[in-house]
């Protein structure tokens, strides 16, 4: 195998690898949980408590709407961790 064939083969392999790891714009709770190594329940709790920035979609799963988390938030979470807890005001 000559150098040109080897380079072509390496380029093909790199393209395949990049295609497999292409970032999504938004992740489901299930996807996010798998990436960060936590349970779906934990990720939903973080979203409910504002510990990660997530938005509810109009898509429903049964009687409930679903959360989605942006790729930017995933990167922020991986760099910095959870957001601080929101302080609740006492009446």
C-alpha atoms as a PDB file:
ATOM      1  CA  UNK A   1       0.000   0.000   0.000  1.00  0.00           C
ATOM      2  CA  UNK A   2       1.544   3.300  -1.027  1.00  0.00           C
ATOM      3  CA  UNK A   3       1.403   6.567   0.880  1.00  0.00           C
ATOM      4  CA  UNK A   4      -1.490   8.018  -1.143  1.00  0.00           C
ATOM      5  CA  UNK A   5      -3.679   4.972  -0.509  1.00  0.00           C
ATOM      6  CA  UNK A   6      -2.850   5.084   3.186  1.00  0.00           C
ATOM      7  CA  UNK A   7      -3.701   8.793   3.404  1.00  0.00           C
ATOM      8  CA  UNK A   8      -6.982   8.228   1.583  1.00  0.00           C
ATOM      9  CA  UNK A   9      -7.830   5.407   3.989  1.00  0.00           C
ATOM     10  CA  UNK A  10      -6.972   7.571   7.007  1.00  0.00           C
ATOM     11  CA  UNK A  11      -9.116  10.440   5.683  1.00  0.00           C
ATOM     12  CA  UNK A  12     -12.085   8.078   5.219  1.00  0.00           C
ATOM     13  CA  UNK A  13     -11.675   6.766   8.748  1.00  0.00           C
ATOM     14  CA  UNK A  14     -11.488  10.299  10.168  1.00  0.00           C
ATOM     15  CA  UNK A  15     -14.636  11.316   8.303  1.00  0.00           C
ATOM     16  CA  UNK A  16     -16.475   8.297   9.719  1.00  0.00           C
ATOM     17  CA  UNK A  17     -15.265   9.062  13.230  1.00  0.00           C
ATOM     18  CA  UNK A  18     -16.290  12.717  12.989  1.00  0.00           C
ATOM     19  CA  UNK A  19     -19.719  11.781  11.639  1.00  0.00           C
ATOM     20  CA  UNK A  20     -20.293   9.490  14.645  1.00  0.00           C
ATOM     21  CA  UNK A  21     -19.369  12.191  17.160  1.00  0.00           C
ATOM     22  CA  UNK A  22     -21.063  15.156  15.529  1.00  0.00           C
ATOM     23  CA  UNK A  23     -22.697  17.358  18.143  1.00  0.00           C
ATOM     24  CA  UNK A  24     -26.434  17.765  18.223  1.00  0.00           C
ATOM     25  CA  UNK A  25     -28.016  21.188  18.674  1.00  0.00           C
ATOM     26  CA  UNK A  26     -30.183  19.864  21.515  1.00  0.00           C
ATOM     27  CA  UNK A  27     -30.089  16.746  23.676  1.00  0.00           C
ATOM     28  CA  UNK A  28     -32.941  14.887  25.308  1.00  0.00           C
ATOM     29  CA  UNK A  29     -32.784  14.159  29.018  1.00  0.00           C
ATOM     30  CA  UNK A  30     -31.879  10.573  28.119  1.00  0.00           C
ATOM     31  CA  UNK A  31     -28.997  11.670  25.830  1.00  0.00           C
ATOM     32  CA  UNK A  32     -27.677  14.219  28.353  1.00  0.00           C
ATOM     33  CA  UNK A  33     -27.847  11.679  31.192  1.00  0.00           C
ATOM     34  CA  UNK A  34     -25.894   9.114  29.163  1.00  0.00           C
ATOM     35  CA  UNK A  35     -23.195  11.641  28.240  1.00  0.00           C
ATOM     36  CA  UNK A  36     -22.663  12.930  31.794  1.00  0.00           C
ATOM     37  CA  UNK A  37     -23.101   9.555  33.494  1.00  0.00           C
ATOM     38  CA  UNK A  38     -26.164  10.386  35.581  1.00  0.00           C
ATOM     39  CA  UNK A  39     -29.709   9.036  35.679  1.00  0.00           C
ATOM     40  CA  UNK A  40     -32.552  10.568  33.693  1.00  0.00           C
ATOM     41  CA  UNK A  41     -34.329  11.331  36.979  1.00  0.00           C
ATOM     42  CA  UNK A  42     -31.331  13.334  38.220  1.00  0.00           C
ATOM     43  CA  UNK A  43     -31.116  15.352  34.997  1.00  0.00           C
ATOM     44  CA  UNK A  44     -34.869  16.114  35.145  1.00  0.00           C
ATOM     45  CA  UNK A  45     -34.443  17.253  38.763  1.00  0.00           C
ATOM     46  CA  UNK A  46     -31.544  19.515  37.787  1.00  0.00           C
ATOM     47  CA  UNK A  47     -33.720  21.028  35.044  1.00  0.00           C
ATOM     48  CA  UNK A  48     -36.665  21.524  37.425  1.00  0.00           C
ATOM     49  CA  UNK A  49     -34.416  23.182  40.013  1.00  0.00           C
ATOM     50  CA  UNK A  50     -32.614  25.378  37.463  1.00  0.00           C
ATOM     51  CA  UNK A  51     -29.244  23.664  38.095  1.00  0.00           C
ATOM     52  CA  UNK A  52     -28.878  23.215  34.315  1.00  0.00           C
ATOM     53  CA  UNK A  53     -30.381  25.398  31.608  1.00  0.00           C
ATOM     54  CA  UNK A  54     -33.078  23.329  29.924  1.00  0.00           C
ATOM     55  CA  UNK A  55     -36.275  24.218  28.087  1.00  0.00           C
ATOM     56  CA  UNK A  56     -39.566  22.383  27.871  1.00  0.00           C
ATOM     57  CA  UNK A  57     -40.716  21.398  24.410  1.00  0.00           C
ATOM     58  CA  UNK A  58     -44.234  21.247  23.046  1.00  0.00           C
ATOM     59  CA  UNK A  59     -43.706  17.532  22.507  1.00  0.00           C
ATOM     60  CA  UNK A  60     -45.495  15.494  25.115  1.00  0.00           C
ATOM     61  CA  UNK A  61     -44.651  12.114  26.561  1.00  0.00           C
ATOM     62  CA  UNK A  62     -47.923  10.997  28.027  1.00  0.00           C
ATOM     63  CA  UNK A  63     -49.281  13.835  30.148  1.00  0.00           C
ATOM     64  CA  UNK A  64     -45.909  15.566  30.496  1.00  0.00           C
ATOM     65  CA  UNK A  65     -43.827  17.841  28.301  1.00  0.00           C
ATOM     66  CA  UNK A  66     -40.190  16.936  27.726  1.00  0.00           C
ATOM     67  CA  UNK A  67     -36.987  18.813  28.522  1.00  0.00           C
ATOM     68  CA  UNK A  68     -34.214  19.522  26.008  1.00  0.00           C
ATOM     69  CA  UNK A  69     -30.721  20.779  26.790  1.00  0.00           C
ATOM     70  CA  UNK A  70     -28.607  22.739  24.287  1.00  0.00           C
ATOM     71  CA  UNK A  71     -25.152  21.668  23.189  1.00  0.00           C
ATOM     72  CA  UNK A  72     -23.782  24.918  24.640  1.00  0.00           C
ATOM     73  CA  UNK A  73     -25.275  23.997  28.017  1.00  0.00           C
ATOM     74  CA  UNK A  74     -23.720  20.530  27.830  1.00  0.00           C
ATOM     75  CA  UNK A  75     -20.315  22.107  27.201  1.00  0.00           C
ATOM     76  CA  UNK A  76     -20.861  24.632  30.023  1.00  0.00           C
ATOM     77  CA  UNK A  77     -21.880  21.833  32.394  1.00  0.00           C
ATOM     78  CA  UNK A  78     -18.802  19.783  31.473  1.00  0.00           C
ATOM     79  CA  UNK A  79     -16.536  22.801  32.122  1.00  0.00           C
ATOM     80  CA  UNK A  80     -18.197  24.341  35.179  1.00  0.00           C
ATOM     81  CA  UNK A  81     -20.646  21.851  36.683  1.00  0.00           C
ATOM     82  CA  UNK A  82     -24.077  22.621  38.089  1.00  0.00           C
ATOM     83  CA  UNK A  83     -25.427  26.130  38.336  1.00  0.00           C
ATOM     84  CA  UNK A  84     -25.935  27.448  41.878  1.00  0.00           C
ATOM     85  CA  UNK A  85     -29.231  26.671  43.547  1.00  0.00           C
ATOM     86  CA  UNK A  86     -31.914  29.299  43.104  1.00  0.00           C
ATOM     87  CA  UNK A  87     -32.718  31.116  46.306  1.00  0.00           C
ATOM     88  CA  UNK A  88     -36.404  31.130  47.154  1.00  0.00           C
ATOM     89  CA  UNK A  89     -37.935  34.155  48.791  1.00  0.00           C
ATOM     90  CA  UNK A  90     -39.810  33.603  52.008  1.00  0.00           C
ATOM     91  CA  UNK A  91     -43.202  35.251  52.293  1.00  0.00           C
END
